[in-house]
Every structure is written in C-alpha cells, then in structure tokens.
Amino acid sequence: MYKKIITILLLSGFSSVQAQNPYPLKKDVATLDGIIKAYYEVVSGPDGPKQTERDKSLHHPMANVMVTGITRSGEPFLRAMTLKEFHANVPQDAFYESEIHRVTETFGNITHVWSTYESRDQLNGPVTAKGINSIQLYYDRERWWILNWVYDSERTGNEIPVKYLPEEK
C-alpha cells in the first residue's frame, strides 16, 4: 500500500510540473513555419502581459535581442539585451504584429529569415508601423531555436526594399 501511495504522489507531482510549464509546444518548434508563427503570436495580444514563458521556449538559452531605431534627434541607435531584459521592458499595451512576407536562406543547420511585418494597436485596426525582423535560427535535428533577432522599422528615408514586400496582386 505504501509503495502505491508513493507512486501516485510521484506521478501526480510530475503531472503538475508538466501542466505548469507546457512549453515548448511541439507545433512551435518542429518546423521553421511553426517557430516564425509562434514568434509573432507571443508578442501579439490585448492589454496585459504577453506570452513570456512561451517566448522563452522559442529562444536558445544564449539568445540575444537587438532593438534599433532613430532617436528624436535623428541619430541611429542599437540596444542589445538578453531575452530576460527584453521581457522586462515589453509594454503591456495592446499590440499586434503579423508577418506579411518572408525571405529565407539556409545553410546546413542555420537559417536566416528576413521577415517583413506590419504592426497594429488594435486587432483589426489600421497598420501603425512596418519593418523587417532579421531572425537567425538553428535546427538541432529535434527542434528549431531562435538564436538572435534584430529589427528596423520603415520610415522616411528607410523604405522597405521591394524584394522584402509581398507581390502585388
């Protein structure tokens, strides 16, 4: 009887640990399309916290994040950070970002994705920004990992090149 109780307790303990952190989701990391889809889903959503735990599961433990832009005085800037630092600075406002075009280059187990995006402040609202995410990934024969990403936004004098835009229909 004692062994049966211990076995039940151990199994229920493992179940609760798995239930607490279901990540990574197989659909997120099994394919390149899956991880890019998840990359956009984790940053998108209504007011409130974003999907931080799911996002962590997409990234390699040594992943880097870089944010670029132009200051109000017109000077370019680059801010490099860890994923943890990025998550600490993610606004809690509603934000929706979606991929509109992709250019992919692969060599061996590494892949580079130029992912053109549109951003919105409301789910079906007007586009508020466009740009390109430059994403480096690694495939370890079991899953995809995001190694690094950096983005730049479209602005006057920095228009998205035609090769990174969807074809006109």
Protein backbone atom coordinates (compact mmCIF):
# COMPACT_ATOMS: atom_id res chain seq x y z
CA MET A 1 0.00 0.00 0.00
CA TYR A 2 2.82 2.38 0.95
CA LYS A 3 4.54 1.87 -2.44
CA LYS A 4 1.26 2.52 -4.23
CA ILE A 5 0.75 5.84 -2.39
CA ILE A 6 4.34 6.95 -3.11
CA THR A 7 3.92 6.03 -6.79
CA ILE A 8 0.68 8.01 -7.04
CA LEU A 9 2.26 11.02 -5.31
CA LEU A 10 5.30 10.93 -7.58
CA LEU A 11 3.21 10.62 -10.73
CA SER A 12 0.86 13.40 -9.70
CA GLY A 13 3.87 15.59 -8.89
CA PHE A 14 5.32 15.06 -12.35
CA SER A 15 1.94 15.76 -13.93
CA SER A 16 1.60 19.06 -12.11
CA VAL A 17 5.12 20.12 -13.11
CA GLN A 18 4.34 19.36 -16.75
CA ALA A 19 0.99 21.13 -16.51
CA GLN A 20 2.61 24.24 -15.07
CA ASN A 21 5.00 24.69 -18.00
CA PRO A 22 3.78 23.06 -21.21
CA TYR A 23 6.47 24.75 -23.28
CA PRO A 24 7.88 24.34 -25.78
CA LEU A 25 4.83 23.42 -27.76
CA LYS A 26 5.75 20.90 -30.45
CA LYS A 27 3.83 22.93 -33.06
CA ASP A 28 6.02 25.94 -32.18
CA VAL A 29 9.45 24.35 -32.63
CA ALA A 30 9.03 21.38 -35.01
CA THR A 31 9.12 23.44 -38.22
CA LEU A 32 10.51 26.74 -39.42
CA ASP A 33 6.99 27.95 -40.23
CA GLY A 34 5.84 26.95 -36.75
CA ILE A 35 8.55 28.86 -34.91
CA ILE A 36 8.08 32.01 -37.02
CA LYS A 37 4.31 31.85 -36.47
CA ALA A 38 4.90 31.48 -32.72
CA TYR A 39 7.47 34.33 -32.80
CA TYR A 40 4.68 36.69 -33.87
CA GLU A 41 2.00 35.20 -31.64
CA VAL A 42 3.97 35.67 -28.41
CA VAL A 43 4.35 39.44 -28.86
CA SER A 44 0.79 39.99 -30.03
CA GLY A 45 -2.24 40.41 -27.84
CA PRO A 46 -4.58 42.71 -25.92
CA ASP A 47 -3.60 44.92 -22.96
CA GLY A 48 -1.81 42.93 -20.29
CA PRO A 49 1.09 40.50 -20.02
CA LYS A 50 2.35 38.80 -23.15
CA GLN A 51 3.29 35.11 -23.50
CA THR A 52 6.71 35.31 -21.83
CA GLU A 53 7.10 31.61 -20.94
CA ARG A 54 6.15 30.53 -24.44
CA ASP A 55 8.55 33.10 -25.89
CA LYS A 56 11.40 31.80 -23.70
CA SER A 57 10.79 28.29 -25.05
CA LEU A 58 11.37 29.50 -28.63
CA HIS A 59 14.76 31.03 -27.88
CA HIS A 60 18.09 29.32 -27.29
CA PRO A 61 19.29 29.95 -23.70
CA MET A 62 22.09 32.19 -25.06
CA ALA A 63 19.84 34.15 -27.45
CA ASN A 64 20.29 37.87 -27.96
CA VAL A 65 17.77 40.56 -28.82
CA MET A 66 18.68 43.83 -30.51
CA VAL A 67 16.44 46.81 -30.97
CA THR A 68 17.35 49.51 -33.48
CA GLY A 69 15.84 52.81 -34.40
CA ILE A 70 16.36 56.52 -34.75
CA THR A 71 16.40 58.95 -31.83
CA ARG A 72 14.32 62.14 -31.91
CA SER A 73 17.45 63.99 -32.97
CA GLY A 74 17.83 61.65 -35.96
CA GLU A 75 20.73 59.56 -34.67
CA PRO A 76 20.65 55.78 -35.15
CA PHE A 77 20.77 53.61 -32.03
CA LEU A 78 21.21 49.93 -31.23
CA ARG A 79 20.26 48.40 -27.90
CA ALA A 80 21.49 44.85 -27.33
CA MET A 81 19.98 42.82 -24.50
CA THR A 82 19.20 39.38 -23.21
CA LEU A 83 15.75 37.91 -23.69
CA LYS A 84 15.12 38.43 -19.96
CA GLU A 85 15.95 42.14 -20.30
CA PHE A 86 13.68 42.38 -23.33
CA HIS A 87 10.78 40.79 -21.44
CA ALA A 88 11.28 43.21 -18.54
CA ASN A 89 10.77 46.12 -20.96
CA VAL A 90 7.87 44.83 -23.08
CA PRO A 91 4.96 47.28 -22.84
CA GLN A 92 1.69 45.87 -21.51
CA ASP A 93 -0.33 47.77 -24.14
CA ALA A 94 -2.33 46.05 -26.85
CA PHE A 95 -0.04 45.24 -29.76
CA TYR A 96 -0.49 43.05 -32.81
CA GLU A 97 2.32 42.20 -35.21
CA SER A 98 2.00 39.93 -38.23
CA GLU A 99 4.29 38.70 -40.96
CA ILE A 100 3.43 39.89 -44.47
CA HIS A 101 6.43 38.48 -46.38
CA ARG A 102 9.45 36.28 -45.77
CA VAL A 103 12.82 35.70 -47.43
CA THR A 104 14.61 32.62 -46.07
CA GLU A 105 18.20 31.48 -46.57
CA THR A 106 19.50 28.20 -45.14
CA PHE A 107 22.94 26.63 -44.97
CA GLY A 108 23.37 23.39 -43.04
CA ASN A 109 21.64 23.74 -39.68
CA ILE A 110 21.44 27.54 -39.70
CA THR A 111 18.73 29.67 -41.24
CA HIS A 112 18.35 33.40 -41.65
CA VAL A 113 14.84 34.83 -42.05
CA TRP A 114 14.10 38.33 -43.30
CA SER A 115 10.54 38.67 -42.02
CA THR A 116 8.61 41.76 -43.11
CA TYR A 117 5.97 42.76 -40.59
CA GLU A 118 3.02 45.06 -40.01
CA SER A 119 2.07 46.28 -36.53
CA ARG A 120 -1.29 47.41 -35.20
CA ASP A 121 -2.53 48.79 -31.88
CA GLN A 122 -5.88 47.02 -32.30
CA LEU A 123 -6.51 43.50 -33.62
CA ASN A 124 -8.18 44.66 -36.83
CA GLY A 125 -7.08 48.28 -36.63
CA PRO A 126 -5.04 50.30 -39.10
CA VAL A 127 -1.37 49.49 -39.67
CA THR A 128 0.73 51.70 -37.37
CA ALA A 129 4.19 50.50 -38.42
CA LYS A 130 6.04 48.26 -40.86
CA GLY A 131 9.55 46.92 -40.80
CA ILE A 132 11.79 43.90 -41.07
CA ASN A 133 12.74 41.37 -38.40
CA SER A 134 16.12 39.75 -39.09
CA ILE A 135 15.97 36.39 -37.32
CA GLN A 136 18.78 33.83 -37.01
CA LEU A 137 17.75 30.27 -36.21
CA TYR A 138 19.38 26.92 -35.55
CA TYR A 139 17.96 23.42 -36.13
CA ASP A 140 19.41 20.72 -33.85
CA ARG A 141 17.62 17.80 -35.59
CA GLU A 142 14.97 17.82 -32.87
CA ARG A 143 13.69 21.37 -32.90
CA TRP A 144 14.23 24.94 -34.11
CA TRP A 145 15.81 27.58 -31.84
CA ILE A 146 15.82 31.34 -32.27
CA LEU A 147 19.41 32.45 -31.70
CA ASN A 148 19.19 36.19 -32.31
CA TRP A 149 16.90 38.79 -33.75
CA VAL A 150 17.08 42.44 -34.60
CA TYR A 151 14.59 44.68 -36.33
CA ASP A 152 14.36 48.04 -38.03
CA SER A 153 11.22 49.98 -38.84
CA GLU A 154 10.22 51.61 -42.09
CA ARG A 155 10.41 55.41 -42.02
CA THR A 156 11.13 58.29 -44.38
CA GLY A 157 14.46 57.53 -46.00
CA ASN A 158 14.31 53.90 -44.85
CA GLU A 159 11.62 52.34 -47.02
CA ILE A 160 11.32 48.56 -47.18
CA PRO A 161 13.03 47.27 -50.37
CA VAL A 162 10.67 45.72 -52.95
CA LYS A 163 12.31 42.27 -52.60
CA TYR A 164 11.08 42.17 -48.98
CA LEU A 165 7.48 43.10 -49.83
CA PRO A 166 4.67 40.76 -50.88
CA GLU A 167 3.95 40.67 -54.59
CA GLU A 168 1.13 42.96 -55.68
CA LYS A 169 -1.97 41.04 -56.74
